[in-house]
Amino acid sequence: MNNEFRAALESLSKIRFGDLSGVQTALATTFSDAENVHGLIVRKSDRGVLGRTGLRDIELRAGAENSGAHFLLFSLEAPGAPFRGSEWSEAMPHPPDPDARGSKGYWTMQMNGRNVVLGLDEGETHIVQISISDR
């Protein structure tokens, strides 16, 4: 499943996030109407799918009038996608902050010119959150 999930993530990272229809199709979801939140245009969806992995709490953020950097954030349905660092060799690990209760590790990488953050569960065995930005 990990290779399939990674391929789906790579395909998603190639889509221009200003193309709302393309993002909705790729995630098998429909976003809410745009809301202005602190100067950002925010669209949300409760559920979607990436590859065969269920998603929840999907959010697409952009600058005013859909300009500037775009951020796509989502959580994976439990238990998440299996994670083995060796399969993401280009990613840089960031361990949990020992001074912050509840802090979890994450890995960062570039994928198709985008910044990708893979948020891990407490045991660092599953990807549970992802953010992608074209910044």
Protein backbone atom coordinates (compact mmCIF):
# COMPACT_ATOMS: atom_id res chain seq x y z
CA MET A 1 0.00 0.00 0.00
CA ASN A 2 2.82 2.43 0.73
CA ASN A 3 4.01 2.55 -2.91
CA GLU A 4 0.43 3.11 -4.05
CA PHE A 5 -0.08 5.85 -1.46
CA ARG A 6 3.18 7.53 -2.41
CA ALA A 7 2.26 7.45 -6.12
CA ALA A 8 -1.10 9.07 -5.31
CA LEU A 9 0.66 11.74 -3.23
CA GLU A 10 3.11 12.44 -6.05
CA SER A 11 0.22 12.79 -8.53
CA LEU A 12 -1.56 15.17 -6.15
CA SER A 13 1.58 17.28 -5.77
CA LYS A 14 1.63 17.86 -9.55
CA ILE A 15 -1.82 19.49 -9.59
CA ARG A 16 -2.00 23.27 -9.61
CA PHE A 17 -3.82 24.06 -6.36
CA GLY A 18 -5.45 27.10 -7.94
CA ASP A 19 -7.38 24.60 -10.08
CA LEU A 20 -10.15 23.86 -7.59
CA SER A 21 -11.85 21.33 -9.85
CA GLY A 22 -8.59 19.41 -10.33
CA VAL A 23 -7.93 19.24 -6.58
CA GLN A 24 -11.50 18.14 -5.88
CA THR A 25 -11.25 15.40 -8.51
CA ALA A 26 -7.88 14.18 -7.22
CA LEU A 27 -9.23 13.93 -3.66
CA ALA A 28 -12.70 12.65 -4.61
CA THR A 29 -14.29 15.47 -2.62
CA THR A 30 -16.24 18.70 -2.91
CA PHE A 31 -15.04 21.78 -1.06
CA SER A 32 -17.30 24.21 0.74
CA ASP A 33 -17.76 27.74 -0.55
CA ALA A 34 -14.75 29.96 0.07
CA GLU A 35 -14.52 31.75 3.40
CA ASN A 36 -12.25 34.67 4.19
CA VAL A 37 -10.30 33.76 7.33
CA HIS A 38 -7.74 36.35 8.44
CA GLY A 39 -7.07 37.41 4.86
CA LEU A 40 -6.88 33.87 3.49
CA ILE A 41 -9.37 32.19 1.20
CA VAL A 42 -10.22 28.87 2.90
CA ARG A 43 -12.20 25.98 1.47
CA LYS A 44 -12.99 22.87 3.51
CA SER A 45 -14.25 19.35 3.09
CA ASP A 46 -15.03 16.72 5.71
CA ARG A 47 -13.98 13.64 3.73
CA GLY A 48 -12.12 12.52 0.63
CA VAL A 49 -9.81 9.82 -0.73
CA LEU A 50 -6.18 9.80 -1.86
CA GLY A 51 -5.44 6.59 -3.74
CA ARG A 52 -7.32 4.12 -1.57
CA THR A 53 -6.69 5.97 1.70
CA GLY A 54 -9.57 7.80 3.33
CA LEU A 55 -9.06 11.45 4.25
CA ARG A 56 -10.77 13.79 6.69
CA ASP A 57 -10.58 17.46 7.65
CA ILE A 58 -9.34 18.61 4.25
CA GLU A 59 -8.51 22.30 3.93
CA LEU A 60 -7.27 24.31 0.94
CA ARG A 61 -5.91 27.78 1.74
CA ALA A 62 -4.87 30.53 -0.64
CA GLY A 63 -4.11 34.22 -0.54
CA ALA A 64 -6.83 36.76 -1.27
CA GLU A 65 -8.50 36.24 -4.64
CA ASN A 66 -6.85 32.80 -4.91
CA SER A 67 -3.40 34.34 -5.40
CA GLY A 68 -0.08 33.70 -3.72
CA ALA A 69 0.93 30.45 -2.07
CA HIS A 70 -1.56 27.63 -1.70
CA PHE A 71 -1.62 25.19 1.21
CA LEU A 72 -3.41 21.86 1.20
CA LEU A 73 -3.80 20.18 4.59
CA PHE A 74 -5.55 16.94 5.50
CA SER A 75 -5.64 14.10 8.00
CA LEU A 76 -5.67 10.43 7.06
CA GLU A 77 -8.33 8.14 8.47
CA ALA A 78 -7.04 5.83 11.21
CA PRO A 79 -4.67 4.16 11.30
CA GLY A 80 -3.12 6.27 8.51
CA ALA A 81 -0.66 5.14 5.85
CA PRO A 82 2.16 2.84 6.97
CA PHE A 83 5.43 4.75 7.29
CA ARG A 84 8.96 3.47 6.91
CA GLY A 85 11.59 6.20 6.67
CA SER A 86 13.69 4.11 4.29
CA GLU A 87 10.92 4.40 1.68
CA TRP A 88 11.09 8.21 1.86
CA SER A 89 14.87 8.54 1.54
CA GLU A 90 14.75 12.12 0.28
CA ALA A 91 12.77 13.26 3.35
CA MET A 92 14.34 14.90 6.40
CA PRO A 93 13.20 13.66 9.83
CA HIS A 94 12.17 16.04 12.61
CA PRO A 95 11.76 14.24 15.95
CA PRO A 96 9.11 15.17 18.51
CA ASP A 97 10.02 18.15 20.71
CA PRO A 98 10.83 16.67 24.14
CA ASP A 99 9.77 19.93 25.81
CA ALA A 100 6.32 19.99 24.22
CA ARG A 101 3.77 17.57 25.61
CA GLY A 102 1.98 15.74 22.81
CA SER A 103 4.56 16.73 20.20
CA LYS A 104 4.87 14.24 17.33
CA GLY A 105 7.59 13.66 14.78
CA TYR A 106 7.29 14.65 11.15
CA TRP A 107 9.33 14.43 7.97
CA THR A 108 9.75 17.17 5.34
CA MET A 109 10.63 16.90 1.69
CA GLN A 110 10.31 18.45 -1.75
CA MET A 111 7.98 16.75 -4.20
CA ASN A 112 7.47 18.18 -7.68
CA GLY A 113 8.68 21.59 -6.47
CA ARG A 114 6.31 21.62 -3.50
CA ASN A 115 7.02 21.48 0.24
CA VAL A 116 5.49 18.34 1.75
CA VAL A 117 5.23 17.60 5.46
CA LEU A 118 4.37 14.08 6.57
CA GLY A 119 2.94 14.17 10.10
CA LEU A 120 3.40 10.93 12.02
CA ASP A 121 1.52 9.20 14.80
CA GLU A 122 3.02 8.85 18.28
CA GLY A 123 4.79 5.59 17.45
CA GLU A 124 6.10 7.09 14.17
CA THR A 125 4.77 4.06 12.27
CA HIS A 126 1.97 5.76 10.29
CA ILE A 127 1.46 8.99 8.39
CA VAL A 128 -1.58 10.65 9.92
CA GLN A 129 -1.44 14.20 8.53
CA ILE A 130 -0.06 15.82 5.40
CA SER A 131 0.46 19.39 4.34
CA ILE A 132 1.56 20.46 0.87
CA SER A 133 2.46 24.02 -0.06
CA ASP A 134 3.64 25.58 -3.26
CA ARG A 135 5.61 28.17 -1.37
